[in-house]
Amino acid sequence: MSDLTIRPYQPSDLARCRELWRELTQHHRDIYDDPSIGGATPGRYFDRHLTRVGPERLWVAELDGQVVGLTGLIVDGQEAELEPLIVAAPHRGAGIGRALTDHALQEARQLDVRYFSVRPVARNCGAISFFFKQGFHTLGHVELFIDLKPRGADPWQPGPRLFGHTFKY
């Protein structure tokens, strides 16, 4: 992987980053069995993220001249969130996600951020395991919600226990 480069996002990366965002959205659709996640054009949500975060807080992983990964950093005072972290499926497990995470972590340190967080969706067990291995061992927030528009049979799976309570995910 000596040809891997983590570099700032450039406008010429737009189409490829939209495709990576679409790939992440498809993964979420698959794990939740919900084709409506991300709407009709999920790649376009990258444009919203780009506007929100700004190109100066986005980095891509380039391998052999091709963009194979994307990460961003949402900074709010003393807090920074890694969002997103996407590695194209054929390149997962090769250390690219780790390199992108490390790069964003280094940027957060340079900004003198105190808390560096990630918020993978609850069913993304692979991402949760990945982030745990990267040192994310502290729970900072727990998001709870009620599904007000269930799709027929209960789509939620019985899940983890926390503080004596079993939650669905």
C-alpha atoms as a PDB file:
ATOM      1  CA  MET A   1       0.000   0.000   0.000  1.00  0.00           C
ATOM      2  CA  SER A   2       2.970   2.284  -0.532  1.00  0.00           C
ATOM      3  CA  ASP A   3       1.024   4.151  -3.228  1.00  0.00           C
ATOM      4  CA  LEU A   4      -1.673   5.293  -0.776  1.00  0.00           C
ATOM      5  CA  THR A   5      -1.973   9.049  -0.369  1.00  0.00           C
ATOM      6  CA  ILE A   6      -4.310  10.950   1.915  1.00  0.00           C
ATOM      7  CA  ARG A   7      -4.850  14.369   0.390  1.00  0.00           C
ATOM      8  CA  PRO A   8      -7.297  17.268   0.620  1.00  0.00           C
ATOM      9  CA  TYR A   9     -10.542  17.021  -1.306  1.00  0.00           C
ATOM     10  CA  GLN A  10     -10.464  18.764  -4.695  1.00  0.00           C
ATOM     11  CA  PRO A  11     -13.429  19.825  -6.860  1.00  0.00           C
ATOM     12  CA  SER A  12     -12.387  17.188  -9.421  1.00  0.00           C
ATOM     13  CA  ASP A  13     -13.198  14.529  -6.753  1.00  0.00           C
ATOM     14  CA  LEU A  14     -16.906  15.435  -6.686  1.00  0.00           C
ATOM     15  CA  ALA A  15     -18.259  12.607  -8.870  1.00  0.00           C
ATOM     16  CA  ARG A  16     -16.179   9.934  -7.140  1.00  0.00           C
ATOM     17  CA  CYS A  17     -17.105  11.193  -3.663  1.00  0.00           C
ATOM     18  CA  ARG A  18     -20.782  11.141  -4.622  1.00  0.00           C
ATOM     19  CA  GLU A  19     -20.297   7.515  -5.674  1.00  0.00           C
ATOM     20  CA  LEU A  20     -18.611   6.653  -2.360  1.00  0.00           C
ATOM     21  CA  TRP A  21     -21.492   8.333  -0.495  1.00  0.00           C
ATOM     22  CA  ARG A  22     -23.960   6.330  -2.585  1.00  0.00           C
ATOM     23  CA  GLU A  23     -22.073   3.146  -1.698  1.00  0.00           C
ATOM     24  CA  LEU A  24     -22.277   3.960   2.016  1.00  0.00           C
ATOM     25  CA  THR A  25     -25.990   4.706   1.673  1.00  0.00           C
ATOM     26  CA  GLN A  26     -26.536   1.376  -0.077  1.00  0.00           C
ATOM     27  CA  HIS A  27     -24.793  -0.378   2.801  1.00  0.00           C
ATOM     28  CA  HIS A  28     -27.200   1.337   5.216  1.00  0.00           C
ATOM     29  CA  ARG A  29     -30.157   0.350   3.019  1.00  0.00           C
ATOM     30  CA  ASP A  30     -28.947  -3.251   3.091  1.00  0.00           C
ATOM     31  CA  ILE A  31     -28.358  -3.528   6.839  1.00  0.00           C
ATOM     32  CA  TYR A  32     -31.711  -1.903   7.618  1.00  0.00           C
ATOM     33  CA  ASP A  33     -33.577  -3.552   4.728  1.00  0.00           C
ATOM     34  CA  ASP A  34     -34.934  -0.126   3.836  1.00  0.00           C
ATOM     35  CA  PRO A  35     -34.526   1.045   0.224  1.00  0.00           C
ATOM     36  CA  SER A  36     -35.846   4.513   1.107  1.00  0.00           C
ATOM     37  CA  ILE A  37     -32.741   5.508   3.085  1.00  0.00           C
ATOM     38  CA  GLY A  38     -31.013   8.357   1.301  1.00  0.00           C
ATOM     39  CA  GLY A  39     -33.845   9.077  -1.104  1.00  0.00           C
ATOM     40  CA  ALA A  40     -33.810   8.661  -4.876  1.00  0.00           C
ATOM     41  CA  THR A  41     -30.338  10.152  -5.412  1.00  0.00           C
ATOM     42  CA  PRO A  42     -28.292   9.329  -2.315  1.00  0.00           C
ATOM     43  CA  GLY A  43     -24.991  10.450  -3.814  1.00  0.00           C
ATOM     44  CA  ARG A  44     -26.296  14.008  -3.855  1.00  0.00           C
ATOM     45  CA  TYR A  45     -26.271  14.016  -0.043  1.00  0.00           C
ATOM     46  CA  PHE A  46     -22.508  14.346  -0.378  1.00  0.00           C
ATOM     47  CA  ASP A  47     -23.114  17.831  -1.812  1.00  0.00           C
ATOM     48  CA  ARG A  48     -25.003  18.820   1.354  1.00  0.00           C
ATOM     49  CA  HIS A  49     -22.183  17.454   3.472  1.00  0.00           C
ATOM     50  CA  LEU A  50     -19.610  19.320   1.397  1.00  0.00           C
ATOM     51  CA  THR A  51     -21.531  22.567   1.929  1.00  0.00           C
ATOM     52  CA  ARG A  52     -21.902  21.919   5.660  1.00  0.00           C
ATOM     53  CA  VAL A  53     -18.317  20.883   6.357  1.00  0.00           C
ATOM     54  CA  GLY A  54     -16.452  22.770   3.670  1.00  0.00           C
ATOM     55  CA  PRO A  55     -13.807  21.329   1.359  1.00  0.00           C
ATOM     56  CA  GLU A  56     -11.047  22.234   3.821  1.00  0.00           C
ATOM     57  CA  ARG A  57     -12.363  19.576   6.225  1.00  0.00           C
ATOM     58  CA  LEU A  58     -12.582  16.731   3.689  1.00  0.00           C
ATOM     59  CA  TRP A  59      -9.833  14.322   2.648  1.00  0.00           C
ATOM     60  CA  VAL A  60      -9.679  11.503   0.171  1.00  0.00           C
ATOM     61  CA  ALA A  61      -7.593   8.345   0.045  1.00  0.00           C
ATOM     62  CA  GLU A  62      -5.991   7.902  -3.340  1.00  0.00           C
ATOM     63  CA  LEU A  63      -4.525   4.560  -4.343  1.00  0.00           C
ATOM     64  CA  ASP A  64      -2.752   4.152  -7.668  1.00  0.00           C
ATOM     65  CA  GLY A  65      -4.313   7.391  -8.879  1.00  0.00           C
ATOM     66  CA  GLN A  66      -7.896   6.469  -7.939  1.00  0.00           C
ATOM     67  CA  VAL A  67      -9.982   7.851  -5.069  1.00  0.00           C
ATOM     68  CA  VAL A  68     -10.906   4.838  -2.920  1.00  0.00           C
ATOM     69  CA  GLY A  69     -11.889   6.520   0.344  1.00  0.00           C
ATOM     70  CA  LEU A  70     -13.273   9.663   1.913  1.00  0.00           C
ATOM     71  CA  THR A  71     -13.400  11.210   5.344  1.00  0.00           C
ATOM     72  CA  GLY A  72     -14.444  14.499   6.841  1.00  0.00           C
ATOM     73  CA  LEU A  73     -14.278  16.381  10.081  1.00  0.00           C
ATOM     74  CA  ILE A  74     -17.172  18.358  11.556  1.00  0.00           C
ATOM     75  CA  VAL A  75     -15.714  20.795  14.076  1.00  0.00           C
ATOM     76  CA  ASP A  76     -17.799  22.550  16.723  1.00  0.00           C
ATOM     77  CA  GLY A  77     -15.725  24.318  19.351  1.00  0.00           C
ATOM     78  CA  GLN A  78     -13.825  21.731  21.380  1.00  0.00           C
ATOM     79  CA  GLU A  79     -15.571  18.828  19.671  1.00  0.00           C
ATOM     80  CA  ALA A  80     -14.934  17.188  16.314  1.00  0.00           C
ATOM     81  CA  GLU A  81     -16.832  14.373  14.656  1.00  0.00           C
ATOM     82  CA  LEU A  82     -15.405  12.077  12.016  1.00  0.00           C
ATOM     83  CA  GLU A  83     -18.068  12.090   9.288  1.00  0.00           C
ATOM     84  CA  PRO A  84     -18.066  10.245   7.016  1.00  0.00           C
ATOM     85  CA  LEU A  85     -15.518   7.471   6.853  1.00  0.00           C
ATOM     86  CA  ILE A  86     -15.991   5.580   3.606  1.00  0.00           C
ATOM     87  CA  VAL A  87     -13.703   3.073   1.946  1.00  0.00           C
ATOM     88  CA  ALA A  88     -14.776   1.503  -1.341  1.00  0.00           C
ATOM     89  CA  ALA A  89     -15.757  -2.139  -0.782  1.00  0.00           C
ATOM     90  CA  PRO A  90     -12.927  -3.724  -2.808  1.00  0.00           C
ATOM     91  CA  HIS A  91     -10.354  -1.844  -0.717  1.00  0.00           C
ATOM     92  CA  ARG A  92     -11.630  -2.531   2.794  1.00  0.00           C
ATOM     93  CA  GLY A  93      -9.348  -4.306   5.214  1.00  0.00           C
ATOM     94  CA  ALA A  94      -6.194  -2.843   3.672  1.00  0.00           C
ATOM     95  CA  GLY A  95      -5.577  -0.095   6.245  1.00  0.00           C
ATOM     96  CA  ILE A  96      -7.172   2.730   4.254  1.00  0.00           C
ATOM     97  CA  GLY A  97      -9.847   3.420   6.860  1.00  0.00           C
ATOM     98  CA  ARG A  98      -7.179   3.527   9.545  1.00  0.00           C
ATOM     99  CA  ALA A  99      -5.088   5.958   7.478  1.00  0.00           C
ATOM    100  CA  LEU A 100      -8.089   8.242   6.913  1.00  0.00           C
ATOM    101  CA  THR A 101      -9.035   8.109  10.613  1.00  0.00           C
ATOM    102  CA  ASP A 102      -5.471   8.870  11.664  1.00  0.00           C
ATOM    103  CA  HIS A 103      -5.332  11.818   9.283  1.00  0.00           C
ATOM    104  CA  ALA A 104      -8.565  13.312  10.640  1.00  0.00           C
ATOM    105  CA  LEU A 105      -7.384  12.685  14.202  1.00  0.00           C
ATOM    106  CA  GLN A 106      -4.141  14.533  13.467  1.00  0.00           C
ATOM    107  CA  GLU A 107      -6.134  17.454  12.028  1.00  0.00           C
ATOM    108  CA  ALA A 108      -8.350  17.529  15.135  1.00  0.00           C
ATOM    109  CA  ARG A 109      -5.271  17.619  17.369  1.00  0.00           C
ATOM    110  CA  GLN A 110      -3.864  20.534  15.359  1.00  0.00           C
ATOM    111  CA  LEU A 111      -7.151  22.356  15.947  1.00  0.00           C
ATOM    112  CA  ASP A 112      -6.736  21.722  19.704  1.00  0.00           C
ATOM    113  CA  VAL A 113      -9.981  19.736  19.844  1.00  0.00           C
ATOM    114  CA  ARG A 114     -10.719  17.939  23.121  1.00  0.00           C
ATOM    115  CA  TYR A 115     -13.308  15.355  22.035  1.00  0.00           C
ATOM    116  CA  PHE A 116     -13.050  13.379  18.805  1.00  0.00           C
ATOM    117  CA  SER A 117     -16.127  11.266  18.087  1.00  0.00           C
ATOM    118  CA  VAL A 118     -17.755   8.969  15.551  1.00  0.00           C
ATOM    119  CA  ARG A 119     -21.439   8.062  15.211  1.00  0.00           C
ATOM    120  CA  PRO A 120     -21.864   4.862  13.209  1.00  0.00           C
ATOM    121  CA  VAL A 121     -25.435   3.663  12.773  1.00  0.00           C
ATOM    122  CA  ALA A 122     -26.388   1.055  15.354  1.00  0.00           C
ATOM    123  CA  ARG A 123     -26.581  -1.878  12.924  1.00  0.00           C
ATOM    124  CA  ASN A 124     -23.226  -1.183  11.338  1.00  0.00           C
ATOM    125  CA  CYS A 125     -21.486  -3.772  13.503  1.00  0.00           C
ATOM    126  CA  GLY A 126     -18.441  -3.777  11.237  1.00  0.00           C
ATOM    127  CA  ALA A 127     -17.943  -0.042  11.663  1.00  0.00           C
ATOM    128  CA  ILE A 128     -18.478  -0.242  15.412  1.00  0.00           C
ATOM    129  CA  SER A 129     -15.847  -2.977  15.675  1.00  0.00           C
ATOM    130  CA  PHE A 130     -13.478  -1.020  13.444  1.00  0.00           C
ATOM    131  CA  PHE A 131     -13.799   2.130  15.527  1.00  0.00           C
ATOM    132  CA  PHE A 132     -13.405   0.214  18.785  1.00  0.00           C
ATOM    133  CA  LYS A 133     -10.120  -1.203  17.449  1.00  0.00           C
ATOM    134  CA  GLN A 134      -9.039   2.356  16.599  1.00  0.00           C
ATOM    135  CA  GLY A 135      -9.411   3.407  20.235  1.00  0.00           C
ATOM    136  CA  PHE A 136     -12.981   4.680  20.441  1.00  0.00           C
ATOM    137  CA  HIS A 137     -13.810   3.061  23.787  1.00  0.00           C
ATOM    138  CA  THR A 138     -15.805   5.822  25.488  1.00  0.00           C
ATOM    139  CA  LEU A 139     -19.561   6.304  25.053  1.00  0.00           C
ATOM    140  CA  GLY A 140     -20.290  10.010  24.818  1.00  0.00           C
ATOM    141  CA  HIS A 141     -23.924  10.074  23.684  1.00  0.00           C
ATOM    142  CA  VAL A 142     -26.666   7.526  23.211  1.00  0.00           C
ATOM    143  CA  GLU A 143     -29.401   8.424  20.742  1.00  0.00           C
ATOM    144  CA  LEU A 144     -32.830   6.904  21.384  1.00  0.00           C
ATOM    145  CA  PHE A 145     -35.859   7.258  19.149  1.00  0.00           C
ATOM    146  CA  ILE A 146     -39.311   5.909  18.387  1.00  0.00           C
ATOM    147  CA  ASP A 147     -40.184   4.790  14.856  1.00  0.00           C
ATOM    148  CA  LEU A 148     -43.411   6.685  14.179  1.00  0.00           C
ATOM    149  CA  LYS A 149     -43.903   5.138  10.739  1.00  0.00           C
ATOM    150  CA  PRO A 150     -43.144   1.435  10.978  1.00  0.00           C
ATOM    151  CA  ARG A 151     -43.280  -0.524   7.720  1.00  0.00           C
ATOM    152  CA  GLY A 152     -45.605  -3.422   8.563  1.00  0.00           C
ATOM    153  CA  ALA A 153     -43.953  -5.989  10.805  1.00  0.00           C
ATOM    154  CA  ASP A 154     -41.496  -4.592  13.334  1.00  0.00           C
ATOM    155  CA  PRO A 155     -38.336  -3.959  11.276  1.00  0.00           C
ATOM    156  CA  TRP A 156     -36.152  -3.503  14.350  1.00  0.00           C
ATOM    157  CA  GLN A 157     -33.989  -6.295  15.727  1.00  0.00           C
ATOM    158  CA  PRO A 158     -33.550  -7.070  19.408  1.00  0.00           C
ATOM    159  CA  GLY A 159     -30.197  -5.658  20.260  1.00  0.00           C
ATOM    160  CA  PRO A 160     -27.681  -4.602  22.815  1.00  0.00           C
ATOM    161  CA  ARG A 161     -28.210  -4.231  26.512  1.00  0.00           C
ATOM    162  CA  LEU A 162     -27.197  -1.016  28.167  1.00  0.00           C
ATOM    163  CA  PHE A 163     -27.636  -0.239  31.842  1.00  0.00           C
ATOM    164  CA  GLY A 164     -29.965  -3.206  32.283  1.00  0.00           C
ATOM    165  CA  HIS A 165     -32.202  -2.363  29.330  1.00  0.00           C
ATOM    166  CA  THR A 166     -32.483  -4.227  26.045  1.00  0.00           C
ATOM    167  CA  PHE A 167     -32.781  -1.983  23.034  1.00  0.00           C
ATOM    168  CA  LYS A 168     -33.747  -2.625  19.438  1.00  0.00           C
ATOM    169  CA  TYR A 169     -31.552  -1.504  16.599  1.00  0.00           C
END
